[in-house]
Amino acid sequence: MTLDRRSALLGAGVMLACPGILRAQSRDKIKIGVLPTSGSGPMYLAAARGYFAAEGLDAEIIKFDTAQPIAVSLASGELDFGATSLAVGFYNLAAQGVMRIIAAQARDNKGFPNNGFVVSIEAWEKGFRAYRDMAGRSVGISTLGSAPHYCVGLLADKFGIPMSKVDVQSLKTNPNIVATIASNRIDAAITPSTFALSLTRNNQGKLIGWVGDESPWQLGAAYTSAAVADNRVEQVQRFLRAYRRGMVDFADAFIAADGSRRDGPTADAVLAQLSRDLDQPAELLRAGISYVDREARLDGPDILRQITWYKAQGLLEGNVDASKLIDMRYVKLLPKAT
């Protein structure tokens, strides 16, 4: 037997004995856009623990500062998947028929500090001490059409306050919100837990409460483009299998069987991993853990409610076909409340 033939047979034997080598060489490269929040934790766990690799996916997770660029990058083909909070920019793209929701991401749920309603010290001293005191007051958010803007709408609806009676002000960024509340230049604001807690811990504001305790809603979703959803079905299914394994691990670490917040035996190890991935202190992450459904089930009725609300505010151009946006080839829905 010639040396070349012997080498060829030996190489084939190695590939047969180690099929993982062949799979590694043929993995599909995918790019996933996320925000650096605890709600992205399941995605990072799926990558760190080899769940994407086990599905033949070479996953690159890319951090963005805000959600809108993720949706735009996905629609243009620069990303394959995204998993972020939902906002009007996403729905405006959905109205063009280019977006598909394929699973849930984080949910703003009771007992989980996601979006905090903080009142300035001066406003507090003048009697602004409850959600129903919003009427006639100024409330800061990051941008119009953002998740915090929708939170204002949820609270106004629950407490019977017309949106026209609330002076909603766009402050652009969460650091701007912190500075504006701390200097008493606005009455109140809705901001993510990290920023809300920094205000209260520094005695620069008073926390009225967490929006999810009053009106739970579908904060985020995993999504892809219509082109990927229609033309790469098997790849989407593999992505979701890996992603849902990450959801299970995240839920095991931080969520009890009854859906309440509790640290499980794996919490410290998961926090250490997320601290490295998100470049944030573990204890800061622990204080702001998001709720996730362990099966990545989506609150479909709230997606419809969001679309209707943004439309009523004059922020949503065109019409969103929810039956196409929520891609039931992939989505699992939360059971209806009884």
C-alpha atoms as a PDB file:
ATOM      1  CA  MET A   1       0.000   0.000   0.000  1.00  0.00           C
ATOM      2  CA  THR A   2       1.356   3.365  -0.942  1.00  0.00           C
ATOM      3  CA  LEU A   3       2.037   6.027   1.635  1.00  0.00           C
ATOM      4  CA  ASP A   4      -0.559   8.343   0.068  1.00  0.00           C
ATOM      5  CA  ARG A   5      -3.254   5.644   0.183  1.00  0.00           C
ATOM      6  CA  ARG A   6      -2.332   4.743   3.769  1.00  0.00           C
ATOM      7  CA  SER A   7      -2.572   8.416   4.783  1.00  0.00           C
ATOM      8  CA  ALA A   8      -5.939   8.799   3.082  1.00  0.00           C
ATOM      9  CA  LEU A   9      -7.357   5.740   4.844  1.00  0.00           C
ATOM     10  CA  LEU A  10      -5.959   6.894   8.176  1.00  0.00           C
ATOM     11  CA  GLY A  11      -7.577  10.311   7.691  1.00  0.00           C
ATOM     12  CA  ALA A  12     -10.899   8.723   6.865  1.00  0.00           C
ATOM     13  CA  GLY A  13     -10.628   6.549   9.960  1.00  0.00           C
ATOM     14  CA  VAL A  14     -10.063   9.570  12.154  1.00  0.00           C
ATOM     15  CA  MET A  15     -13.134  11.298  10.686  1.00  0.00           C
ATOM     16  CA  LEU A  16     -15.258   8.195  11.262  1.00  0.00           C
ATOM     17  CA  ALA A  17     -13.996   7.800  14.793  1.00  0.00           C
ATOM     18  CA  CYS A  18     -14.473  11.486  15.559  1.00  0.00           C
ATOM     19  CA  PRO A  19     -17.621  12.677  13.790  1.00  0.00           C
ATOM     20  CA  GLY A  20     -17.526  15.801  15.950  1.00  0.00           C
ATOM     21  CA  ILE A  21     -14.590  16.994  13.852  1.00  0.00           C
ATOM     22  CA  LEU A  22     -16.678  16.785  10.701  1.00  0.00           C
ATOM     23  CA  ARG A  23     -19.585  18.591  12.363  1.00  0.00           C
ATOM     24  CA  ALA A  24     -17.275  21.326  13.626  1.00  0.00           C
ATOM     25  CA  GLN A  25     -15.947  21.884  10.140  1.00  0.00           C
ATOM     26  CA  SER A  26     -19.443  22.142   8.645  1.00  0.00           C
ATOM     27  CA  ARG A  27     -21.178  24.302  11.241  1.00  0.00           C
ATOM     28  CA  ASP A  28     -23.423  27.058   9.935  1.00  0.00           C
ATOM     29  CA  LYS A  29     -22.184  30.479  10.946  1.00  0.00           C
ATOM     30  CA  ILE A  30     -24.898  32.659  12.468  1.00  0.00           C
ATOM     31  CA  LYS A  31     -24.843  36.142  14.003  1.00  0.00           C
ATOM     32  CA  ILE A  32     -27.163  36.975  16.897  1.00  0.00           C
ATOM     33  CA  GLY A  33     -27.861  40.518  18.104  1.00  0.00           C
ATOM     34  CA  VAL A  34     -28.610  41.090  21.799  1.00  0.00           C
ATOM     35  CA  LEU A  35     -28.612  43.817  24.444  1.00  0.00           C
ATOM     36  CA  PRO A  36     -26.205  43.564  27.424  1.00  0.00           C
ATOM     37  CA  THR A  37     -28.978  42.745  29.918  1.00  0.00           C
ATOM     38  CA  SER A  38     -29.896  39.732  32.027  1.00  0.00           C
ATOM     39  CA  GLY A  39     -32.698  38.989  29.556  1.00  0.00           C
ATOM     40  CA  SER A  40     -29.959  37.966  27.117  1.00  0.00           C
ATOM     41  CA  GLY A  41     -28.618  35.478  29.649  1.00  0.00           C
ATOM     42  CA  PRO A  42     -30.156  32.363  28.036  1.00  0.00           C
ATOM     43  CA  MET A  43     -28.485  33.195  24.730  1.00  0.00           C
ATOM     44  CA  TYR A  44     -25.064  33.521  26.347  1.00  0.00           C
ATOM     45  CA  LEU A  45     -25.589  30.284  28.268  1.00  0.00           C
ATOM     46  CA  ALA A  46     -26.531  28.455  25.067  1.00  0.00           C
ATOM     47  CA  ALA A  47     -23.266  29.630  23.510  1.00  0.00           C
ATOM     48  CA  ALA A  48     -21.009  29.072  26.526  1.00  0.00           C
ATOM     49  CA  ARG A  49     -22.359  25.589  27.214  1.00  0.00           C
ATOM     50  CA  GLY A  50     -22.025  24.382  23.628  1.00  0.00           C
ATOM     51  CA  TYR A  51     -25.735  24.113  22.843  1.00  0.00           C
ATOM     52  CA  PHE A  52     -25.412  25.985  19.555  1.00  0.00           C
ATOM     53  CA  ALA A  53     -22.350  23.944  18.626  1.00  0.00           C
ATOM     54  CA  ALA A  54     -24.245  20.732  19.369  1.00  0.00           C
ATOM     55  CA  GLU A  55     -26.825  21.849  16.812  1.00  0.00           C
ATOM     56  CA  GLY A  56     -24.153  22.455  14.189  1.00  0.00           C
ATOM     57  CA  LEU A  57     -24.204  26.242  14.622  1.00  0.00           C
ATOM     58  CA  ASP A  58     -21.182  28.505  14.943  1.00  0.00           C
ATOM     59  CA  ALA A  59     -22.895  31.326  16.828  1.00  0.00           C
ATOM     60  CA  GLU A  60     -21.419  34.805  17.178  1.00  0.00           C
ATOM     61  CA  ILE A  61     -23.253  36.938  19.732  1.00  0.00           C
ATOM     62  CA  ILE A  62     -23.025  40.668  19.041  1.00  0.00           C
ATOM     63  CA  LYS A  63     -23.917  43.292  21.662  1.00  0.00           C
ATOM     64  CA  PHE A  64     -25.856  46.434  20.785  1.00  0.00           C
ATOM     65  CA  ASP A  65     -26.627  49.445  23.001  1.00  0.00           C
ATOM     66  CA  THR A  66     -30.280  49.725  21.915  1.00  0.00           C
ATOM     67  CA  ALA A  67     -32.836  47.415  20.343  1.00  0.00           C
ATOM     68  CA  GLN A  68     -33.681  49.304  17.146  1.00  0.00           C
ATOM     69  CA  PRO A  69     -30.310  48.790  15.377  1.00  0.00           C
ATOM     70  CA  ILE A  70     -30.662  45.044  15.961  1.00  0.00           C
ATOM     71  CA  ALA A  71     -33.969  44.917  14.105  1.00  0.00           C
ATOM     72  CA  VAL A  72     -32.589  47.079  11.292  1.00  0.00           C
ATOM     73  CA  SER A  73     -29.429  44.939  10.977  1.00  0.00           C
ATOM     74  CA  LEU A  74     -31.494  41.777  10.884  1.00  0.00           C
ATOM     75  CA  ALA A  75     -33.842  43.134   8.230  1.00  0.00           C
ATOM     76  CA  SER A  76     -30.838  44.062   6.086  1.00  0.00           C
ATOM     77  CA  GLY A  77     -29.281  40.609   6.416  1.00  0.00           C
ATOM     78  CA  GLU A  78     -26.324  41.651   8.583  1.00  0.00           C
ATOM     79  CA  LEU A  79     -27.682  39.511  11.441  1.00  0.00           C
ATOM     80  CA  ASP A  80     -29.443  36.157  11.363  1.00  0.00           C
ATOM     81  CA  PHE A  81     -31.294  36.339  14.693  1.00  0.00           C
ATOM     82  CA  GLY A  82     -32.093  38.892  17.380  1.00  0.00           C
ATOM     83  CA  ALA A  83     -33.412  38.656  20.928  1.00  0.00           C
ATOM     84  CA  THR A  84     -34.302  41.994  22.513  1.00  0.00           C
ATOM     85  CA  SER A  85     -37.026  44.105  24.038  1.00  0.00           C
ATOM     86  CA  LEU A  86     -39.757  45.078  21.586  1.00  0.00           C
ATOM     87  CA  ALA A  87     -40.524  48.661  20.598  1.00  0.00           C
ATOM     88  CA  VAL A  88     -42.230  50.668  17.881  1.00  0.00           C
ATOM     89  CA  GLY A  89     -39.185  50.558  15.571  1.00  0.00           C
ATOM     90  CA  PHE A  90     -39.480  46.770  15.474  1.00  0.00           C
ATOM     91  CA  TYR A  91     -43.194  46.973  14.720  1.00  0.00           C
ATOM     92  CA  ASN A  92     -42.676  49.518  11.943  1.00  0.00           C
ATOM     93  CA  LEU A  93     -40.366  47.006  10.264  1.00  0.00           C
ATOM     94  CA  ALA A  94     -42.933  44.293  10.929  1.00  0.00           C
ATOM     95  CA  ALA A  95     -45.511  46.405   9.075  1.00  0.00           C
ATOM     96  CA  GLN A  96     -43.290  46.009   6.001  1.00  0.00           C
ATOM     97  CA  GLY A  97     -43.542  42.226   6.324  1.00  0.00           C
ATOM     98  CA  VAL A  98     -39.842  41.644   6.958  1.00  0.00           C
ATOM     99  CA  MET A  99     -39.854  40.432  10.610  1.00  0.00           C
ATOM    100  CA  ARG A 100     -40.908  37.157  12.246  1.00  0.00           C
ATOM    101  CA  ILE A 101     -41.162  36.452  15.981  1.00  0.00           C
ATOM    102  CA  ILE A 102     -40.045  32.881  16.676  1.00  0.00           C
ATOM    103  CA  ALA A 103     -39.939  32.674  20.509  1.00  0.00           C
ATOM    104  CA  ALA A 104     -40.190  34.698  23.685  1.00  0.00           C
ATOM    105  CA  GLN A 105     -37.333  36.458  25.402  1.00  0.00           C
ATOM    106  CA  ALA A 106     -37.708  38.223  28.777  1.00  0.00           C
ATOM    107  CA  ARG A 107     -41.096  39.016  30.302  1.00  0.00           C
ATOM    108  CA  ASP A 108     -41.813  41.905  32.683  1.00  0.00           C
ATOM    109  CA  ASN A 109     -43.356  39.783  35.448  1.00  0.00           C
ATOM    110  CA  LYS A 110     -44.415  40.134  39.061  1.00  0.00           C
ATOM    111  CA  GLY A 111     -41.519  39.779  41.481  1.00  0.00           C
ATOM    112  CA  PHE A 112     -38.824  40.582  38.912  1.00  0.00           C
ATOM    113  CA  PRO A 113     -37.284  44.094  38.851  1.00  0.00           C
ATOM    114  CA  ASN A 114     -37.190  45.087  35.198  1.00  0.00           C
ATOM    115  CA  ASN A 115     -38.661  48.543  34.636  1.00  0.00           C
ATOM    116  CA  GLY A 116     -38.678  50.751  37.712  1.00  0.00           C
ATOM    117  CA  PHE A 117     -40.910  53.789  38.269  1.00  0.00           C
ATOM    118  CA  VAL A 118     -38.787  56.354  40.117  1.00  0.00           C
ATOM    119  CA  VAL A 119     -39.937  59.727  41.476  1.00  0.00           C
ATOM    120  CA  SER A 120     -37.579  62.640  42.121  1.00  0.00           C
ATOM    121  CA  ILE A 121     -37.009  63.657  45.735  1.00  0.00           C
ATOM    122  CA  GLU A 122     -38.667  67.025  45.167  1.00  0.00           C
ATOM    123  CA  ALA A 123     -41.746  65.492  43.534  1.00  0.00           C
ATOM    124  CA  TRP A 124     -41.975  62.929  46.324  1.00  0.00           C
ATOM    125  CA  GLU A 125     -41.941  65.665  48.946  1.00  0.00           C
ATOM    126  CA  LYS A 126     -44.745  67.414  47.024  1.00  0.00           C
ATOM    127  CA  GLY A 127     -46.960  64.338  47.222  1.00  0.00           C
ATOM    128  CA  PHE A 128     -46.123  62.246  44.148  1.00  0.00           C
ATOM    129  CA  ARG A 129     -46.152  58.878  45.916  1.00  0.00           C
ATOM    130  CA  ALA A 130     -48.271  56.543  43.800  1.00  0.00           C
ATOM    131  CA  TYR A 131     -48.847  55.632  40.148  1.00  0.00           C
ATOM    132  CA  ARG A 132     -52.235  57.353  40.154  1.00  0.00           C
ATOM    133  CA  ASP A 133     -50.434  60.650  40.881  1.00  0.00           C
ATOM    134  CA  MET A 134     -49.085  60.666  37.284  1.00  0.00           C
ATOM    135  CA  ALA A 135     -51.891  62.889  36.018  1.00  0.00           C
ATOM    136  CA  GLY A 136     -50.524  66.371  35.379  1.00  0.00           C
ATOM    137  CA  ARG A 137     -46.940  65.288  36.068  1.00  0.00           C
ATOM    138  CA  SER A 138     -43.870  64.828  33.861  1.00  0.00           C
ATOM    139  CA  VAL A 139     -42.585  61.285  33.323  1.00  0.00           C
ATOM    140  CA  GLY A 140     -39.268  60.647  31.591  1.00  0.00           C
ATOM    141  CA  ILE A 141     -38.515  57.773  29.239  1.00  0.00           C
ATOM    142  CA  SER A 142     -35.585  57.001  26.958  1.00  0.00           C
ATOM    143  CA  THR A 143     -37.362  57.518  23.610  1.00  0.00           C
ATOM    144  CA  LEU A 144     -40.898  57.696  22.286  1.00  0.00           C
ATOM    145  CA  GLY A 145     -42.057  54.271  21.184  1.00  0.00           C
ATOM    146  CA  SER A 146     -39.687  52.482  23.558  1.00  0.00           C
ATOM    147  CA  ALA A 147     -40.515  49.772  26.082  1.00  0.00           C
ATOM    148  CA  PRO A 148     -40.639  52.339  28.947  1.00  0.00           C
ATOM    149  CA  HIS A 149     -43.107  54.399  26.885  1.00  0.00           C
ATOM    150  CA  TYR A 150     -45.357  51.348  26.618  1.00  0.00           C
ATOM    151  CA  CYS A 151     -44.967  50.892  30.385  1.00  0.00           C
ATOM    152  CA  VAL A 152     -46.363  54.398  30.924  1.00  0.00           C
ATOM    153  CA  GLY A 153     -49.335  53.345  28.813  1.00  0.00           C
ATOM    154  CA  LEU A 154     -49.879  50.163  30.841  1.00  0.00           C
ATOM    155  CA  LEU A 155     -49.865  52.075  34.129  1.00  0.00           C
ATOM    156  CA  ALA A 156     -52.068  54.874  32.798  1.00  0.00           C
ATOM    157  CA  ASP A 157     -54.580  52.301  31.563  1.00  0.00           C
ATOM    158  CA  LYS A 158     -54.623  50.389  34.846  1.00  0.00           C
ATOM    159  CA  PHE A 159     -55.148  53.497  36.971  1.00  0.00           C
ATOM    160  CA  GLY A 160     -57.596  55.202  34.647  1.00  0.00           C
ATOM    161  CA  ILE A 161     -55.364  58.090  33.580  1.00  0.00           C
ATOM    162  CA  PRO A 162     -55.668  59.404  29.995  1.00  0.00           C
ATOM    163  CA  MET A 163     -52.283  59.500  28.274  1.00  0.00           C
ATOM    164  CA  SER A 164     -53.070  63.111  27.342  1.00  0.00           C
ATOM    165  CA  LYS A 165     -52.833  63.952  31.059  1.00  0.00           C
ATOM    166  CA  VAL A 166     -49.275  62.621  31.378  1.00  0.00           C
ATOM    167  CA  ASP A 167     -46.379  64.822  30.240  1.00  0.00           C
ATOM    168  CA  VAL A 168     -44.165  62.148  28.669  1.00  0.00           C
ATOM    169  CA  GLN A 169     -40.655  63.447  27.988  1.00  0.00           C
ATOM    170  CA  SER A 170     -37.982  61.749  25.892  1.00  0.00           C
ATOM    171  CA  LEU A 171     -34.596  61.989  27.644  1.00  0.00           C
ATOM    172  CA  LYS A 172     -32.715  59.900  25.018  1.00  0.00           C
ATOM    173  CA  THR A 173     -30.557  57.750  27.307  1.00  0.00           C
ATOM    174  CA  ASN A 174     -30.807  56.086  30.694  1.00  0.00           C
ATOM    175  CA  PRO A 175     -27.812  58.054  32.084  1.00  0.00           C
ATOM    176  CA  ASN A 176     -29.698  61.223  31.117  1.00  0.00           C
ATOM    177  CA  ILE A 177     -32.726  59.930  33.010  1.00  0.00           C
ATOM    178  CA  VAL A 178     -30.605  59.360  36.112  1.00  0.00           C
ATOM    179  CA  ALA A 179     -29.104  62.855  35.938  1.00  0.00           C
ATOM    180  CA  THR A 180     -32.487  64.500  35.329  1.00  0.00           C
ATOM    181  CA  ILE A 181     -34.178  62.737  38.241  1.00  0.00           C
ATOM    182  CA  ALA A 182     -31.221  63.358  40.558  1.00  0.00           C
ATOM    183  CA  SER A 183     -31.325  67.098  39.809  1.00  0.00           C
ATOM    184  CA  ASN A 184     -35.135  67.293  40.238  1.00  0.00           C
ATOM    185  CA  ARG A 185     -35.645  68.498  36.650  1.00  0.00           C
ATOM    186  CA  ILE A 186     -38.457  65.997  36.054  1.00  0.00           C
ATOM    187  CA  ASP A 187     -41.092  64.514  38.328  1.00  0.00           C
ATOM    188  CA  ALA A 188     -40.618  60.828  37.555  1.00  0.00           C
ATOM    189  CA  ALA A 189     -39.203  58.340  35.070  1.00  0.00           C
ATOM    190  CA  ILE A 190     -39.357  54.716  34.018  1.00  0.00           C
ATOM    191  CA  THR A 191     -35.939  53.139  33.601  1.00  0.00           C
ATOM    192  CA  PRO A 192     -34.361  49.638  33.757  1.00  0.00           C
ATOM    193  CA  SER A 193     -33.591  48.179  37.169  1.00  0.00           C
ATOM    194  CA  THR A 194     -29.863  48.956  37.133  1.00  0.00           C
ATOM    195  CA  PHE A 195     -30.526  52.682  36.792  1.00  0.00           C
ATOM    196  CA  ALA A 196     -33.584  52.731  39.056  1.00  0.00           C
ATOM    197  CA  LEU A 197     -31.675  51.011  41.851  1.00  0.00           C
ATOM    198  CA  SER A 198     -28.691  53.336  41.484  1.00  0.00           C
ATOM    199  CA  LEU A 199     -31.014  56.322  42.069  1.00  0.00           C
ATOM    200  CA  THR A 200     -32.623  54.863  45.157  1.00  0.00           C
ATOM    201  CA  ARG A 201     -29.373  53.551  46.650  1.00  0.00           C
ATOM    202  CA  ASN A 202     -27.821  57.003  46.288  1.00  0.00           C
ATOM    203  CA  ASN A 203     -30.937  58.642  47.775  1.00  0.00           C
ATOM    204  CA  GLN A 204     -31.482  60.581  44.536  1.00  0.00           C
ATOM    205  CA  GLY A 205     -34.987  59.272  43.941  1.00  0.00           C
ATOM    206  CA  LYS A 206     -37.817  57.213  45.413  1.00  0.00           C
ATOM    207  CA  LEU A 207     -38.971  53.928  43.883  1.00  0.00           C
ATOM    208  CA  ILE A 208     -42.753  53.690  43.532  1.00  0.00           C
ATOM    209  CA  GLY A 209     -42.476  50.136  42.240  1.00  0.00           C
ATOM    210  CA  TRP A 210     -41.840  47.782  39.323  1.00  0.00           C
ATOM    211  CA  VAL A 211     -44.117  47.876  36.307  1.00  0.00           C
ATOM    212  CA  GLY A 212     -44.291  44.086  36.057  1.00  0.00           C
ATOM    213  CA  ASP A 213     -45.854  43.904  39.518  1.00  0.00           C
ATOM    214  CA  GLU A 214     -48.803  45.923  38.221  1.00  0.00           C
ATOM    215  CA  SER A 215     -49.135  44.900  34.567  1.00  0.00           C
ATOM    216  CA  PRO A 216     -47.083  41.899  33.395  1.00  0.00           C
ATOM    217  CA  TRP A 217     -46.254  42.020  29.696  1.00  0.00           C
ATOM    218  CA  GLN A 218     -44.078  40.483  26.981  1.00  0.00           C
ATOM    219  CA  LEU A 219     -40.959  42.617  27.212  1.00  0.00           C
ATOM    220  CA  GLY A 220     -38.871  40.853  24.592  1.00  0.00           C
ATOM    221  CA  ALA A 221     -38.819  38.250  21.864  1.00  0.00           C
ATOM    222  CA  ALA A 222     -36.442  36.225  19.751  1.00  0.00           C
ATOM    223  CA  TYR A 223     -36.954  36.995  16.093  1.00  0.00           C
ATOM    224  CA  THR A 224     -35.526  36.647  12.625  1.00  0.00           C
ATOM    225  CA  SER A 225     -36.176  37.991   9.145  1.00  0.00           C
ATOM    226  CA  ALA A 226     -38.965  36.679   6.953  1.00  0.00           C
ATOM    227  CA  ALA A 227     -36.319  35.442   4.504  1.00  0.00           C
ATOM    228  CA  VAL A 228     -34.554  33.334   7.138  1.00  0.00           C
ATOM    229  CA  ALA A 229     -37.833  32.050   8.598  1.00  0.00           C
ATOM    230  CA  ASP A 230     -39.086  30.937   5.182  1.00  0.00           C
ATOM    231  CA  ASN A 231     -35.894  29.691   3.554  1.00  0.00           C
ATOM    232  CA  ARG A 232     -33.838  28.284   6.448  1.00  0.00           C
ATOM    233  CA  VAL A 233     -36.494  26.399   8.406  1.00  0.00           C
ATOM    234  CA  GLU A 234     -34.237  23.611   9.617  1.00  0.00           C
ATOM    235  CA  GLN A 235     -31.602  26.102  10.802  1.00  0.00           C
ATOM    236  CA  VAL A 236     -34.211  28.111  12.710  1.00  0.00           C
ATOM    237  CA  GLN A 237     -35.364  24.917  14.418  1.00  0.00           C
ATOM    238  CA  ARG A 238     -31.795  24.097  15.446  1.00  0.00           C
ATOM    239  CA  PHE A 239     -31.316  27.647  16.741  1.00  0.00           C
ATOM    240  CA  LEU A 240     -34.477  27.356  18.840  1.00  0.00           C
ATOM    241  CA  ARG A 241     -33.505  23.998  20.311  1.00  0.00           C
ATOM    242  CA  ALA A 242     -30.232  25.492  21.550  1.00  0.00           C
ATOM    243  CA  TYR A 243     -31.876  28.717  22.727  1.00  0.00           C
ATOM    244  CA  ARG A 244     -34.540  26.868  24.711  1.00  0.00           C
ATOM    245  CA  ARG A 245     -31.861  24.822  26.472  1.00  0.00           C
ATOM    246  CA  GLY A 246     -30.340  28.119  27.555  1.00  0.00           C
ATOM    247  CA  MET A 247     -33.774  29.255  28.783  1.00  0.00           C
ATOM    248  CA  VAL A 248     -34.098  26.115  30.903  1.00  0.00           C
ATOM    249  CA  ASP A 249     -30.663  26.643  32.475  1.00  0.00           C
ATOM    250  CA  PHE A 250     -31.453  30.309  33.231  1.00  0.00           C
ATOM    251  CA  ALA A 251     -34.824  29.413  34.748  1.00  0.00           C
ATOM    252  CA  ASP A 252     -33.280  26.634  36.847  1.00  0.00           C
ATOM    253  CA  ALA A 253     -30.796  29.137  38.256  1.00  0.00           C
ATOM    254  CA  PHE A 254     -33.180  31.961  39.144  1.00  0.00           C
ATOM    255  CA  ILE A 255     -36.861  30.994  38.938  1.00  0.00           C
ATOM    256  CA  ALA A 256     -38.836  28.662  41.199  1.00  0.00           C
ATOM    257  CA  ALA A 257     -41.330  26.131  39.890  1.00  0.00           C
ATOM    258  CA  ASP A 258     -44.202  28.499  40.759  1.00  0.00           C
ATOM    259  CA  GLY A 259     -42.634  31.314  38.715  1.00  0.00           C
ATOM    260  CA  SER A 260     -41.348  33.307  41.677  1.00  0.00           C
ATOM    261  CA  ARG A 261     -37.817  34.675  41.957  1.00  0.00           C
ATOM    262  CA  ARG A 262     -35.375  32.473  43.819  1.00  0.00           C
ATOM    263  CA  ASP A 263     -31.725  31.511  43.480  1.00  0.00           C
ATOM    264  CA  GLY A 264     -31.220  27.823  42.761  1.00  0.00           C
ATOM    265  CA  PRO A 265     -28.071  25.724  43.303  1.00  0.00           C
ATOM    266  CA  THR A 266     -26.590  26.835  39.971  1.00  0.00           C
ATOM    267  CA  ALA A 267     -27.235  30.572  40.447  1.00  0.00           C
ATOM    268  CA  ASP A 268     -23.688  31.545  41.452  1.00  0.00           C
ATOM    269  CA  ALA A 269     -22.103  29.669  38.559  1.00  0.00           C
ATOM    270  CA  VAL A 270     -24.553  31.170  36.055  1.00  0.00           C
ATOM    271  CA  LEU A 271     -24.013  34.666  37.484  1.00  0.00           C
ATOM    272  CA  ALA A 272     -20.249  34.240  37.166  1.00  0.00           C
ATOM    273  CA  GLN A 273     -20.659  33.258  33.506  1.00  0.00           C
ATOM    274  CA  LEU A 274     -23.011  36.151  32.755  1.00  0.00           C
ATOM    275  CA  SER A 275     -20.742  38.575  34.595  1.00  0.00           C
ATOM    276  CA  ARG A 276     -17.948  37.659  32.175  1.00  0.00           C
ATOM    277  CA  ASP A 277     -20.192  37.778  29.114  1.00  0.00           C
ATOM    278  CA  LEU A 278     -21.965  41.032  29.984  1.00  0.00           C
ATOM    279  CA  ASP A 279     -18.991  42.707  31.694  1.00  0.00           C
ATOM    280  CA  GLN A 280     -21.120  43.595  34.719  1.00  0.00           C
ATOM    281  CA  PRO A 281     -20.678  42.764  38.437  1.00  0.00           C
ATOM    282  CA  ALA A 282     -22.426  39.556  39.439  1.00  0.00           C
ATOM    283  CA  GLU A 283     -24.266  41.173  42.345  1.00  0.00           C
ATOM    284  CA  LEU A 284     -25.594  43.941  40.114  1.00  0.00           C
ATOM    285  CA  LEU A 285     -26.911  41.294  37.737  1.00  0.00           C
ATOM    286  CA  ARG A 286     -28.449  39.344  40.628  1.00  0.00           C
ATOM    287  CA  ALA A 287     -30.452  42.427  41.659  1.00  0.00           C
ATOM    288  CA  GLY A 288     -31.990  42.786  38.201  1.00  0.00           C
ATOM    289  CA  ILE A 289     -32.669  39.239  36.995  1.00  0.00           C
ATOM    290  CA  SER A 290     -35.337  39.088  34.292  1.00  0.00           C
ATOM    291  CA  TYR A 291     -38.150  36.576  34.189  1.00  0.00           C
ATOM    292  CA  VAL A 292     -38.056  34.080  31.319  1.00  0.00           C
ATOM    293  CA  ASP A 293     -40.441  31.292  30.467  1.00  0.00           C
ATOM    294  CA  ARG A 294     -38.428  28.074  30.532  1.00  0.00           C
ATOM    295  CA  GLU A 295     -40.065  26.930  27.266  1.00  0.00           C
ATOM    296  CA  ALA A 296     -39.663  30.375  25.643  1.00  0.00           C
ATOM    297  CA  ARG A 297     -43.452  30.596  25.317  1.00  0.00           C
ATOM    298  CA  LEU A 298     -44.804  33.895  24.000  1.00  0.00           C
ATOM    299  CA  ASP A 299     -47.633  36.062  25.343  1.00  0.00           C
ATOM    300  CA  GLY A 300     -49.413  36.437  21.996  1.00  0.00           C
ATOM    301  CA  PRO A 301     -52.294  38.631  23.263  1.00  0.00           C
ATOM    302  CA  ASP A 302     -49.839  41.172  24.655  1.00  0.00           C
ATOM    303  CA  ILE A 303     -48.056  41.417  21.305  1.00  0.00           C
ATOM    304  CA  LEU A 304     -51.432  42.349  19.817  1.00  0.00           C
ATOM    305  CA  ARG A 305     -51.990  44.836  22.651  1.00  0.00           C
ATOM    306  CA  GLN A 306     -48.611  46.461  21.987  1.00  0.00           C
ATOM    307  CA  ILE A 307     -49.380  46.848  18.281  1.00  0.00           C
ATOM    308  CA  THR A 308     -52.773  48.404  19.066  1.00  0.00           C
ATOM    309  CA  TRP A 309     -51.303  50.782  21.653  1.00  0.00           C
ATOM    310  CA  TYR A 310     -48.488  52.077  19.429  1.00  0.00           C
ATOM    311  CA  LYS A 311     -51.003  52.547  16.625  1.00  0.00           C
ATOM    312  CA  ALA A 312     -53.275  54.571  18.941  1.00  0.00           C
ATOM    313  CA  GLN A 313     -50.341  56.810  19.885  1.00  0.00           C
ATOM    314  CA  GLY A 314     -49.727  57.631  16.231  1.00  0.00           C
ATOM    315  CA  LEU A 315     -46.281  56.029  16.349  1.00  0.00           C
ATOM    316  CA  LEU A 316     -46.893  52.974  14.168  1.00  0.00           C
ATOM    317  CA  GLU A 317     -46.943  53.502  10.415  1.00  0.00           C
ATOM    318  CA  GLY A 318     -48.869  51.024   8.340  1.00  0.00           C
ATOM    319  CA  ASN A 319     -50.565  47.876   9.580  1.00  0.00           C
ATOM    320  CA  VAL A 320     -48.921  44.865  11.196  1.00  0.00           C
ATOM    321  CA  ASP A 321     -50.289  41.464  10.204  1.00  0.00           C
ATOM    322  CA  ALA A 322     -49.910  39.725  13.559  1.00  0.00           C
ATOM    323  CA  SER A 323     -50.731  36.336  12.033  1.00  0.00           C
ATOM    324  CA  LYS A 324     -47.558  36.616   9.956  1.00  0.00           C
ATOM    325  CA  LEU A 325     -45.424  38.398  12.543  1.00  0.00           C
ATOM    326  CA  ILE A 326     -45.953  35.641  15.129  1.00  0.00           C
ATOM    327  CA  ASP A 327     -44.645  32.685  13.142  1.00  0.00           C
ATOM    328  CA  MET A 328     -46.599  29.712  14.458  1.00  0.00           C
ATOM    329  CA  ARG A 329     -44.270  27.274  12.730  1.00  0.00           C
ATOM    330  CA  TYR A 330     -41.859  28.064  15.537  1.00  0.00           C
ATOM    331  CA  VAL A 331     -43.657  29.906  18.355  1.00  0.00           C
ATOM    332  CA  LYS A 332     -45.034  28.239  21.470  1.00  0.00           C
ATOM    333  CA  LEU A 333     -47.732  30.370  23.117  1.00  0.00           C
ATOM    334  CA  LEU A 334     -48.351  30.840  26.809  1.00  0.00           C
ATOM    335  CA  PRO A 335     -51.614  29.162  27.873  1.00  0.00           C
ATOM    336  CA  LYS A 336     -54.541  31.543  28.169  1.00  0.00           C
ATOM    337  CA  ALA A 337     -55.142  32.932  31.644  1.00  0.00           C
ATOM    338  CA  THR A 338     -58.070  31.335  33.447  1.00  0.00           C
END
